[in-house]
Structure formats: structure tokens, C-alpha cells
């Protein structure tokens, strides 16, 4: 059976998002119970927020070729879910009369200095990417699996904040690319205008009296000439040249 391979498998953001999801599921199973979460709502909220992050990164990346705007919106949803999850871990510390590690503490620096390996998949990508995610997760086992909820919560706050910054940079890069290249809609418009320009040239249309480019037949949509055909410059709206038919 052929398996679809998507580009987001190579994204560091998607890899780290999966690490956070797996670690959050472990955290909730280990530390949430009938006493501190009698209705199970916190369990559901935290695991769903964690799931939302890789899911929206994957969906956004899959929409890259058709809608850059949708891609950026979905990445931003992932970032918002991370902020919600990070606040849940912060609340857990505060409930236990604890504060997050200082950014100058040894514990904070030890976690923050751990870097992810770059994906190096050559074939069997689904298998290799899964192994890669687990390998990256095991780098944080010293804090996540020690059996201390406060240490695990601190570690996950650092990972959430790191991924928030990574997603912010990803959105900025997508926005810069969008400014230069446009999106799917802009691409369709350009293709349509190019096609109409080609068709008008083949049909012997006149050249624009203002810029000299081929003209296209259009139909007036309003005014006293509504419904009548006229020649319009193929370079509209840059050029407003027209001729009567």
C-alpha cells in the first residue's frame, strides 16, 4: 500500500510538536487523577491542546501550495494552542506553590541547551520519521520521566515556549514569501490574465493605444454601456487603455 509522504515530516516544528504531545499525554496519565481532576476536564483540555499543535502544523503545511493565507492561519492556531498548554503547566506549578525555573538556573539552561537533530530521511519516511521523533523525545527523559511532576512541568514549559518562538519565525518567513510571490489566488489571476493575453494575440486583437500590449474583449458591467463588449488592455489594472468595438 502506498503511503502519502508530506513535507511537514521534515519540519523541526512538527517534530518538536510531536515530542510535546507525547510528553503531555504521559504527564496527564501519570499525574492527573480523581483528586486533582475529578471530572477529567483538565486531562481532556491539555491532551487536546497538545494534539492541536502537530495537527494544525500538518494541515497548514499540506495547504501550502493552494493557500498561503490558510497555512499561516493554521500555524497561528498551533501557536495559540501551545500558549494555552504552557499556561496549564504554569498553573500546575502555582497550584503546588512552585514557580517556573529562572532562565539563569542550571535546570533551565540544561533543558534549553538541548538541540534537536535534523531529520535525515532517505527512504521509508514514515518509519524513519517516527524513530526520529522518539529519539528527540528521549533527549528530555531525564526531566520528563523522573517521576516528579514539577520537573516535568518545568521542562514542558521550556519546550512549549521554544516551539512558540519557532512557529513565530515560521509565520514571519511565510509572510515574507507571500509578500513577494503572492498566494494561490494571485497565481490563478496571473495565469488567467496570461492565458487571455495569449488568446487575444492569437485572435488578432488590436494593441492598446496607451502601452501597446494586446487587448482583450470584455463586457461592461455597469453604466450606460452595461452589457456591451469593448476592448480592454490585457495589462489592466496597471493600464486602463480601452477601445470601442
Protein backbone atom coordinates (compact mmCIF):
# COMPACT_ATOMS: atom_id res chain seq x y z
CA UNK A 1 0.00 0.00 0.00
CA UNK A 2 1.37 3.41 -1.00
CA UNK A 3 1.72 5.89 1.88
CA UNK A 4 1.41 9.62 1.28
CA UNK A 5 4.62 11.46 2.23
CA UNK A 6 4.24 15.08 3.27
CA UNK A 7 6.86 17.82 3.55
CA UNK A 8 5.98 18.59 7.15
CA UNK A 9 7.74 15.37 8.22
CA UNK A 10 10.98 17.34 7.77
CA UNK A 11 9.86 20.38 9.79
CA UNK A 12 11.58 20.82 13.15
CA UNK A 13 8.38 22.48 14.38
CA UNK A 14 6.32 19.36 13.61
CA UNK A 15 8.91 17.08 15.24
CA UNK A 16 9.01 19.14 18.45
CA UNK A 17 5.21 19.40 18.43
CA UNK A 18 5.01 15.60 18.46
CA UNK A 19 7.53 15.44 21.31
CA UNK A 20 5.35 17.84 23.33
CA UNK A 21 2.19 15.88 22.52
CA UNK A 22 3.70 12.58 23.63
CA UNK A 23 5.14 14.14 26.79
CA UNK A 24 1.81 15.80 27.61
CA UNK A 25 -0.06 12.53 27.23
CA UNK A 26 2.46 10.89 29.60
CA UNK A 27 2.14 13.78 32.07
CA UNK A 28 -1.65 13.60 32.16
CA UNK A 29 -1.69 9.83 32.61
CA UNK A 30 0.94 9.97 35.36
CA UNK A 31 -0.23 12.92 37.42
CA UNK A 32 -3.91 13.72 36.82
CA UNK A 33 -6.36 11.74 38.95
CA UNK A 34 -9.78 11.82 40.59
CA UNK A 35 -8.49 14.08 43.36
CA UNK A 36 -6.93 16.90 41.33
CA UNK A 37 -9.05 16.45 38.17
CA UNK A 38 -12.32 14.82 39.32
CA UNK A 39 -14.25 15.46 36.09
CA UNK A 40 -11.35 14.77 33.74
CA UNK A 41 -11.70 18.18 32.11
CA UNK A 42 -8.08 19.21 32.59
CA UNK A 43 -6.95 15.88 31.10
CA UNK A 44 -9.10 16.49 28.02
CA UNK A 45 -8.09 20.14 27.64
CA UNK A 46 -4.36 19.51 27.92
CA UNK A 47 -4.25 16.46 25.64
CA UNK A 48 -6.46 18.17 23.03
CA UNK A 49 -4.36 21.35 23.11
CA UNK A 50 -1.23 19.21 22.67
CA UNK A 51 -2.85 17.31 19.80
CA UNK A 52 -3.89 20.56 18.10
CA UNK A 53 -0.29 21.66 17.62
CA UNK A 54 1.10 18.94 15.28
CA UNK A 55 -2.32 18.55 13.66
CA UNK A 56 -2.50 22.21 12.62
CA UNK A 57 1.13 22.30 11.53
CA UNK A 58 0.48 19.26 9.33
CA UNK A 59 -2.75 20.66 7.87
CA UNK A 60 -1.21 24.09 7.31
CA UNK A 61 1.82 22.63 5.53
CA UNK A 62 -0.48 20.48 3.38
CA UNK A 63 -2.28 23.67 2.25
CA UNK A 64 1.00 25.37 1.26
CA UNK A 65 0.50 25.02 -2.49
CA UNK A 66 -3.15 26.13 -2.52
CA UNK A 67 -3.49 28.77 0.18
CA UNK A 68 -0.62 30.51 1.93
CA UNK A 69 -3.14 32.52 3.93
CA UNK A 70 -4.78 29.35 5.29
CA UNK A 71 -1.35 27.90 6.05
CA UNK A 72 -0.40 30.94 8.14
CA UNK A 73 -3.74 30.88 9.98
CA UNK A 74 -3.37 27.20 10.89
CA UNK A 75 0.21 27.71 12.08
CA UNK A 76 -1.07 30.55 14.25
CA UNK A 77 -3.77 28.25 15.68
CA UNK A 78 -0.98 25.82 16.61
CA UNK A 79 0.88 28.65 18.33
CA UNK A 80 -2.24 29.66 20.27
CA UNK A 81 -2.79 26.05 21.41
CA UNK A 82 0.79 25.97 22.67
CA UNK A 83 0.23 29.13 24.70
CA UNK A 84 -2.84 27.53 26.27
CA UNK A 85 -0.90 24.37 27.09
CA UNK A 86 2.04 26.30 28.55
CA UNK A 87 -0.38 28.18 30.82
CA UNK A 88 -1.81 24.85 32.04
CA UNK A 89 1.68 23.74 33.07
CA UNK A 90 2.29 27.11 34.75
CA UNK A 91 -0.97 26.73 36.67
CA UNK A 92 0.12 23.26 37.79
CA UNK A 93 3.28 24.75 39.31
CA UNK A 94 1.37 27.54 41.00
CA UNK A 95 -1.16 25.09 42.45
CA UNK A 96 1.77 23.28 44.01
CA UNK A 97 3.11 26.57 45.45
CA UNK A 98 6.02 26.49 42.98
CA UNK A 99 7.33 28.88 40.35
CA UNK A 100 8.93 28.15 36.95
CA UNK A 101 12.68 27.76 36.82
CA UNK A 102 14.59 31.00 36.43
CA UNK A 103 16.10 31.45 32.97
CA UNK A 104 19.51 31.64 34.67
CA UNK A 105 19.11 28.42 36.67
CA UNK A 106 21.13 25.30 35.87
CA UNK A 107 17.95 23.26 35.28
CA UNK A 108 16.57 25.77 32.77
CA UNK A 109 19.85 26.06 30.89
CA UNK A 110 20.32 22.28 30.77
CA UNK A 111 16.94 21.76 29.08
CA UNK A 112 17.13 24.85 26.90
CA UNK A 113 20.57 23.96 25.53
CA UNK A 114 19.46 20.59 24.17
CA UNK A 115 19.17 20.84 20.39
CA UNK A 116 17.11 18.67 18.07
CA UNK A 117 18.82 16.60 15.40
CA UNK A 118 17.94 17.49 11.84
CA UNK A 119 15.77 14.93 10.03
CA UNK A 120 17.82 12.83 7.59
CA UNK A 121 15.23 10.60 5.94
CA UNK A 122 16.21 8.87 2.71
CA UNK A 123 13.54 6.23 2.30
CA UNK A 124 10.78 4.57 4.36
CA UNK A 125 9.99 8.07 5.61
CA UNK A 126 7.03 7.17 7.85
CA UNK A 127 9.15 4.65 9.78
CA UNK A 128 12.26 6.83 9.95
CA UNK A 129 10.36 9.97 10.98
CA UNK A 130 8.65 8.07 13.80
CA UNK A 131 12.02 6.83 15.06
CA UNK A 132 13.36 10.37 14.80
CA UNK A 133 10.53 11.78 16.95
CA UNK A 134 11.09 9.17 19.65
CA UNK A 135 14.85 9.80 19.62
CA UNK A 136 14.28 13.53 20.13
CA UNK A 137 11.81 12.86 22.95
CA UNK A 138 14.30 10.62 24.76
CA UNK A 139 16.73 13.54 24.94
CA UNK A 140 14.44 15.03 27.61
CA UNK A 141 13.73 11.81 29.52
CA UNK A 142 15.92 12.93 32.41
CA UNK A 143 13.28 15.55 33.22
CA UNK A 144 10.11 14.03 31.78
CA UNK A 145 10.29 10.54 33.26
CA UNK A 146 11.89 11.18 36.64
CA UNK A 147 8.55 10.81 38.41
CA UNK A 148 8.42 14.43 39.59
CA UNK A 149 5.51 16.42 38.14
CA UNK A 150 7.15 19.77 38.93
CA UNK A 151 10.30 18.90 36.98
CA UNK A 152 8.25 17.58 34.06
CA UNK A 153 6.03 20.70 34.03
CA UNK A 154 9.06 22.99 34.02
CA UNK A 155 10.64 21.06 31.17
CA UNK A 156 7.45 21.23 29.11
CA UNK A 157 7.04 24.97 29.70
CA UNK A 158 10.50 25.46 28.22
CA UNK A 159 9.69 23.23 25.21
CA UNK A 160 6.35 24.99 24.64
CA UNK A 161 7.97 28.42 24.71
CA UNK A 162 10.73 27.25 22.37
CA UNK A 163 8.19 25.97 19.86
CA UNK A 164 6.14 29.16 20.13
CA UNK A 165 9.21 31.12 19.04
CA UNK A 166 9.93 28.66 16.22
CA UNK A 167 6.36 28.96 14.93
CA UNK A 168 6.54 32.73 15.12
CA UNK A 169 9.61 32.68 12.89
CA UNK A 170 7.88 30.23 10.54
CA UNK A 171 4.90 32.58 10.19
CA UNK A 172 7.21 35.55 9.56
CA UNK A 173 9.01 33.59 6.83
CA UNK A 174 5.71 32.60 5.22
CA UNK A 175 4.54 36.22 5.33
CA UNK A 176 7.74 37.46 3.68
CA UNK A 177 7.36 34.83 0.95
CA UNK A 178 3.70 35.77 0.47
CA UNK A 179 4.62 39.44 0.00
CA UNK A 180 6.98 38.53 -2.84
CA UNK A 181 5.23 35.61 -4.53
CA UNK A 182 1.59 36.06 -3.53
CA UNK A 183 -0.69 33.12 -2.89
CA UNK A 184 -2.82 30.65 -4.79
CA UNK A 185 -5.48 33.24 -5.70
CA UNK A 186 -2.87 35.67 -7.03
CA UNK A 187 -1.29 32.85 -9.02
CA UNK A 188 -4.62 31.91 -10.60
CA UNK A 189 -5.26 35.54 -11.55
CA UNK A 190 -1.83 35.82 -13.18
CA UNK A 191 -2.35 32.55 -15.08
CA UNK A 192 -5.81 33.68 -16.25
CA UNK A 193 -4.54 37.05 -17.46
CA UNK A 194 -1.61 35.40 -19.25
CA UNK A 195 -3.97 32.96 -20.97
CA UNK A 196 -6.38 35.70 -22.04
CA UNK A 197 -3.49 37.78 -23.31
CA UNK A 198 -2.29 34.80 -25.38
CA UNK A 199 -5.77 34.16 -26.74
CA UNK A 200 -6.24 37.79 -27.70
CA UNK A 201 -2.94 37.80 -29.56
CA UNK A 202 -3.88 34.68 -31.50
CA UNK A 203 -7.25 36.15 -32.46
CA UNK A 204 -5.73 39.29 -33.95
CA UNK A 205 -6.88 41.70 -31.24
CA UNK A 206 -5.72 45.33 -31.52
CA UNK A 207 -2.88 46.66 -29.44
CA UNK A 208 -3.51 49.02 -26.55
CA UNK A 209 -3.27 52.69 -27.67
CA UNK A 210 -1.58 53.56 -24.34
CA UNK A 211 1.00 50.82 -23.71
CA UNK A 212 0.97 48.74 -26.88
CA UNK A 213 0.09 45.42 -25.26
CA UNK A 214 -2.59 43.12 -26.75
CA UNK A 215 -6.16 43.92 -25.86
CA UNK A 216 -8.90 41.62 -24.54
CA UNK A 217 -12.65 41.64 -25.16
CA UNK A 218 -14.56 42.49 -22.02
CA UNK A 219 -18.20 43.21 -21.22
CA UNK A 220 -19.16 46.40 -19.41
CA UNK A 221 -20.89 45.56 -16.13
CA UNK A 222 -22.35 48.97 -15.30
CA UNK A 223 -23.03 52.43 -16.68
CA UNK A 224 -24.75 53.41 -19.91
CA UNK A 225 -22.76 50.80 -21.85
CA UNK A 226 -23.66 47.93 -19.48
CA UNK A 227 -23.76 44.60 -21.35
CA UNK A 228 -21.78 45.87 -24.35
CA UNK A 229 -18.42 44.48 -25.42
CA UNK A 230 -15.30 46.63 -25.59
CA UNK A 231 -11.56 46.23 -25.96
CA UNK A 232 -9.59 46.45 -22.70
CA UNK A 233 -5.83 46.38 -22.18
CA UNK A 234 -4.57 42.95 -21.08
CA UNK A 235 -2.34 44.77 -18.60
CA UNK A 236 -5.34 46.11 -16.63
CA UNK A 237 -5.40 47.41 -13.89
CA UNK A 238 -1.84 48.70 -14.46
CA UNK A 239 -3.02 50.17 -17.75
CA UNK A 240 -6.57 51.48 -18.33
CA UNK A 241 -6.45 51.62 -22.13
CA UNK A 242 -9.76 50.86 -23.91
CA UNK A 243 -11.18 50.86 -27.47
CA UNK A 244 -14.72 50.64 -28.74
CA UNK A 245 -15.74 47.59 -30.76
